[in-house]
C-alpha atoms as a PDB file:
ATOM      1  CA  MET A   1     -21.490  18.587   7.539  1.00  0.00           C
ATOM      2  CA  ASN A   2     -19.361  21.310   6.006  1.00  0.00           C
ATOM      3  CA  LEU A   3     -15.787  22.125   5.083  1.00  0.00           C
ATOM      4  CA  LYS A   4     -15.057  23.711   8.475  1.00  0.00           C
ATOM      5  CA  ASP A   5     -15.738  20.437  10.312  1.00  0.00           C
ATOM      6  CA  THR A   6     -12.942  18.482  11.943  1.00  0.00           C
ATOM      7  CA  PHE A   7     -13.295  14.753  12.466  1.00  0.00           C
ATOM      8  CA  ALA A   8     -11.888  12.221  14.888  1.00  0.00           C
ATOM      9  CA  ILE A   9     -11.566   8.469  14.667  1.00  0.00           C
ATOM     10  CA  PRO A  10     -13.383   6.709  17.542  1.00  0.00           C
ATOM     11  CA  SER A  11     -11.413   4.301  19.728  1.00  0.00           C
ATOM     12  CA  GLN A  12     -13.422   1.289  18.498  1.00  0.00           C
ATOM     13  CA  VAL A  13     -12.229   1.879  14.917  1.00  0.00           C
ATOM     14  CA  MET A  14      -8.948   0.365  13.750  1.00  0.00           C
ATOM     15  CA  ALA A  15      -7.263   0.933  10.393  1.00  0.00           C
ATOM     16  CA  ARG A  16      -4.332  -0.657   8.620  1.00  0.00           C
ATOM     17  CA  GLN A  17      -2.571   0.108   5.379  1.00  0.00           C
ATOM     18  CA  VAL A  18      -2.656  -2.841   2.961  1.00  0.00           C
ATOM     19  CA  GLY A  19      -0.750  -2.016  -0.195  1.00  0.00           C
ATOM     20  CA  ASP A  20      -2.148   1.269  -1.478  1.00  0.00           C
ATOM     21  CA  GLU A  21      -5.498   0.795   0.266  1.00  0.00           C
ATOM     22  CA  THR A  22      -6.650   1.217   3.850  1.00  0.00           C
ATOM     23  CA  VAL A  23      -8.734  -1.421   5.594  1.00  0.00           C
ATOM     24  CA  ILE A  24     -10.923  -0.169   8.430  1.00  0.00           C
ATOM     25  CA  LEU A  25     -12.403  -2.406  11.123  1.00  0.00           C
ATOM     26  CA  ASP A  26     -15.255  -1.296  13.349  1.00  0.00           C
ATOM     27  CA  LEU A  27     -14.604  -3.394  16.459  1.00  0.00           C
ATOM     28  CA  ALA A  28     -18.115  -2.707  17.773  1.00  0.00           C
ATOM     29  CA  SER A  29     -19.831  -4.306  14.778  1.00  0.00           C
ATOM     30  CA  GLY A  30     -17.008  -6.485  13.440  1.00  0.00           C
ATOM     31  CA  THR A  31     -17.486  -4.927  10.010  1.00  0.00           C
ATOM     32  CA  TYR A  32     -14.598  -4.240   7.618  1.00  0.00           C
ATOM     33  CA  TYR A  33     -14.469  -1.384   5.132  1.00  0.00           C
ATOM     34  CA  GLY A  34     -11.943  -0.603   2.412  1.00  0.00           C
ATOM     35  CA  LEU A  35     -10.698   2.724   1.082  1.00  0.00           C
ATOM     36  CA  ASP A  36      -9.008   3.227  -2.268  1.00  0.00           C
ATOM     37  CA  PRO A  37      -5.745   5.220  -2.392  1.00  0.00           C
ATOM     38  CA  VAL A  38      -7.484   8.633  -2.399  1.00  0.00           C
ATOM     39  CA  GLY A  39      -9.825   7.593   0.408  1.00  0.00           C
ATOM     40  CA  ALA A  40      -6.808   6.240   2.289  1.00  0.00           C
ATOM     41  CA  ARG A  41      -5.085   9.618   1.938  1.00  0.00           C
ATOM     42  CA  ILE A  42      -8.191  11.376   3.270  1.00  0.00           C
ATOM     43  CA  TRP A  43      -8.259   8.918   6.208  1.00  0.00           C
ATOM     44  CA  GLN A  44      -4.610   9.735   6.944  1.00  0.00           C
ATOM     45  CA  LEU A  45      -5.334  13.477   6.928  1.00  0.00           C
ATOM     46  CA  VAL A  46      -8.378  12.972   9.188  1.00  0.00           C
ATOM     47  CA  GLY A  47      -6.018  11.274  11.635  1.00  0.00           C
ATOM     48  CA  GLU A  48      -3.850  14.396  11.604  1.00  0.00           C
ATOM     49  CA  GLY A  49      -6.798  16.467  12.873  1.00  0.00           C
ATOM     50  CA  ARG A  50      -7.278  18.600   9.767  1.00  0.00           C
ATOM     51  CA  THR A  51     -10.547  20.256   8.856  1.00  0.00           C
ATOM     52  CA  LEU A  52     -12.311  19.003   5.753  1.00  0.00           C
ATOM     53  CA  ALA A  53     -11.252  22.253   4.044  1.00  0.00           C
ATOM     54  CA  GLY A  54      -7.639  21.590   5.058  1.00  0.00           C
ATOM     55  CA  ILE A  55      -7.870  18.054   3.719  1.00  0.00           C
ATOM     56  CA  CYS A  56      -9.190  19.355   0.406  1.00  0.00           C
ATOM     57  CA  GLU A  57      -6.395  21.946   0.191  1.00  0.00           C
ATOM     58  CA  MET A  58      -3.789  19.214   0.694  1.00  0.00           C
ATOM     59  CA  LEU A  59      -5.393  16.998  -1.948  1.00  0.00           C
ATOM     60  CA  LEU A  60      -5.622  19.843  -4.466  1.00  0.00           C
ATOM     61  CA  GLY A  61      -1.839  20.064  -4.268  1.00  0.00           C
ATOM     62  CA  GLU A  62      -1.441  16.310  -4.709  1.00  0.00           C
ATOM     63  CA  TYR A  63      -4.009  15.435  -7.389  1.00  0.00           C
ATOM     64  CA  ALA A  64      -5.125  17.005 -10.661  1.00  0.00           C
ATOM     65  CA  VAL A  65      -8.776  17.517  -9.783  1.00  0.00           C
ATOM     66  CA  ASP A  66     -11.389  20.253  -9.933  1.00  0.00           C
ATOM     67  CA  ARG A  67     -11.969  21.902  -6.525  1.00  0.00           C
ATOM     68  CA  GLU A  68     -15.765  21.508  -6.658  1.00  0.00           C
ATOM     69  CA  VAL A  69     -15.529  17.819  -7.570  1.00  0.00           C
ATOM     70  CA  LEU A  70     -12.964  17.190  -4.830  1.00  0.00           C
ATOM     71  CA  GLU A  71     -14.957  19.019  -2.159  1.00  0.00           C
ATOM     72  CA  ARG A  72     -18.166  17.197  -3.108  1.00  0.00           C
ATOM     73  CA  ASP A  73     -16.512  13.788  -3.180  1.00  0.00           C
ATOM     74  CA  ALA A  74     -14.678  14.398   0.111  1.00  0.00           C
ATOM     75  CA  GLN A  75     -17.910  15.486   1.789  1.00  0.00           C
ATOM     76  CA  LEU A  76     -19.705  12.398   0.473  1.00  0.00           C
ATOM     77  CA  LEU A  77     -16.956  10.140   1.815  1.00  0.00           C
ATOM     78  CA  MET A  78     -16.995  11.820   5.217  1.00  0.00           C
ATOM     79  CA  GLU A  79     -20.798  11.577   5.369  1.00  0.00           C
ATOM     80  CA  ALA A  80     -20.574   7.845   4.563  1.00  0.00           C
ATOM     81  CA  LEU A  81     -17.877   7.293   7.200  1.00  0.00           C
ATOM     82  CA  HIS A  82     -19.827   9.334   9.750  1.00  0.00           C
ATOM     83  CA  SER A  83     -23.092   7.478   9.088  1.00  0.00           C
ATOM     84  CA  ARG A  84     -21.285   4.174   9.790  1.00  0.00           C
ATOM     85  CA  GLY A  85     -19.723   5.503  13.005  1.00  0.00           C
ATOM     86  CA  LEU A  86     -16.191   5.364  11.610  1.00  0.00           C
ATOM     87  CA  VAL A  87     -15.576   9.061  12.274  1.00  0.00           C
ATOM     88  CA  VAL A  88     -17.172  11.613  14.577  1.00  0.00           C
ATOM     89  CA  CYS A  89     -17.303  15.394  14.265  1.00  0.00           C
ATOM     90  CA  SER A  90     -15.026  16.913  16.856  1.00  0.00           C
END
């Protein structure tokens, strides 16, 4: 997984905004997941079809964060989502 990857949300995955968090439901397993506000923003940008690099560029303009830290954390989140089947590389 690298910054040039683009992700898609599979049809069996539903998400809803609840306050400043996003709740994700995997209909196949019946498992719920929660994302904090930054994770929720990443989820929103994934839904727009952006590359991971594009997502990081957007977040750099929105948050006061070091590029290396942001890229590492975003990659870790996407790896976790991918390993649970909540996103697929497209």
